[in-house]
């Protein structure tokens, strides 16, 4: 059986990919020409969509890591501050 955390990751990731595909379809249909190419403005919009997708997935990854972190995993520090001896 798939764990709850995996289901959350799958749904969020699939939603982000579907959003990316929808945005690409909108850009293609809005800025496309009759011969199937994009206008220069459409190319810039497509680049903006790709950069936005990268930033969105970065934010989703950070958010999921924060939300799905279990205290018993041992991933957080114990707060004593002795781990970084001699560093600035």
Protein backbone atom coordinates (compact mmCIF):
# COMPACT_ATOMS: atom_id res chain seq x y z
CA UNK A 1 0.00 0.00 0.00
CA UNK A 2 1.19 3.49 -0.81
CA UNK A 3 1.90 5.65 2.22
CA UNK A 4 0.10 8.93 2.84
CA UNK A 5 3.23 11.01 2.22
CA UNK A 6 3.82 9.38 -1.15
CA UNK A 7 0.24 10.03 -2.21
CA UNK A 8 0.63 13.71 -1.29
CA UNK A 9 3.88 13.97 -3.25
CA UNK A 10 2.36 12.25 -6.29
CA UNK A 11 -0.77 14.43 -6.32
CA UNK A 12 1.13 17.69 -5.87
CA UNK A 13 3.72 16.79 -8.52
CA UNK A 14 1.10 15.60 -11.01
CA UNK A 15 -0.88 18.80 -10.43
CA UNK A 16 2.21 20.92 -11.11
CA UNK A 17 2.96 19.02 -14.33
CA UNK A 18 -0.64 19.35 -15.51
CA UNK A 19 -0.49 23.08 -14.75
CA UNK A 20 2.70 23.34 -16.80
CA UNK A 21 1.14 21.53 -19.74
CA UNK A 22 -1.96 23.72 -19.55
CA UNK A 23 0.16 26.88 -19.52
CA UNK A 24 2.15 25.65 -22.51
CA UNK A 25 -1.05 24.89 -24.42
CA UNK A 26 -2.42 28.35 -23.64
CA UNK A 27 0.80 30.01 -24.81
CA UNK A 28 0.86 27.91 -27.96
CA UNK A 29 -2.74 28.62 -28.85
CA UNK A 30 -2.52 32.32 -28.00
CA UNK A 31 0.83 33.14 -29.60
CA UNK A 32 0.93 30.51 -32.35
CA UNK A 33 0.92 31.36 -36.03
CA UNK A 34 -0.84 29.61 -38.90
CA UNK A 35 2.24 27.57 -39.82
CA UNK A 36 2.67 26.17 -36.30
CA UNK A 37 5.45 28.40 -35.00
CA UNK A 38 5.46 30.83 -32.10
CA UNK A 39 5.75 34.58 -32.41
CA UNK A 40 8.71 36.22 -30.64
CA UNK A 41 6.38 37.28 -27.82
CA UNK A 42 5.15 33.69 -27.60
CA UNK A 43 8.72 32.45 -27.27
CA UNK A 44 9.30 34.84 -24.41
CA UNK A 45 6.07 33.71 -22.74
CA UNK A 46 7.11 30.08 -23.13
CA UNK A 47 10.43 30.82 -21.46
CA UNK A 48 8.56 32.59 -18.65
CA UNK A 49 6.32 29.54 -18.22
CA UNK A 50 9.35 27.22 -18.03
CA UNK A 51 11.13 29.44 -15.49
CA UNK A 52 7.91 29.70 -13.48
CA UNK A 53 7.60 25.92 -13.52
CA UNK A 54 11.14 25.52 -12.20
CA UNK A 55 10.48 28.02 -9.41
CA UNK A 56 7.14 26.37 -8.62
CA UNK A 57 8.70 22.92 -8.30
CA UNK A 58 11.45 24.34 -6.10
CA UNK A 59 8.86 25.89 -3.79
CA UNK A 60 6.81 22.69 -3.80
CA UNK A 61 9.87 20.62 -2.91
CA UNK A 62 10.80 22.90 -0.02
CA UNK A 63 7.20 22.98 1.17
CA UNK A 64 6.81 19.21 1.04
CA UNK A 65 10.11 18.70 2.83
CA UNK A 66 8.93 21.03 5.58
CA UNK A 67 5.41 19.58 5.88
CA UNK A 68 6.28 15.90 5.55
CA UNK A 69 9.32 15.91 7.87
CA UNK A 70 8.72 13.57 10.79
CA UNK A 71 10.55 14.34 14.06
CA UNK A 72 11.53 10.69 14.51
CA UNK A 73 13.45 10.72 11.22
CA UNK A 74 16.34 12.48 12.94
CA UNK A 75 16.63 15.09 10.19
CA UNK A 76 16.45 18.15 12.43
CA UNK A 77 19.13 19.35 14.79
CA UNK A 78 18.98 18.81 18.51
CA UNK A 79 19.63 22.50 19.16
CA UNK A 80 22.80 22.24 21.29
CA UNK A 81 24.96 24.06 18.71
CA UNK A 82 28.03 21.86 19.26
CA UNK A 83 27.96 20.38 15.77
CA UNK A 84 29.75 23.31 14.08
CA UNK A 85 32.81 23.66 16.26
CA UNK A 86 35.43 26.00 14.89
CA UNK A 87 33.30 27.29 12.00
CA UNK A 88 32.04 30.79 11.42
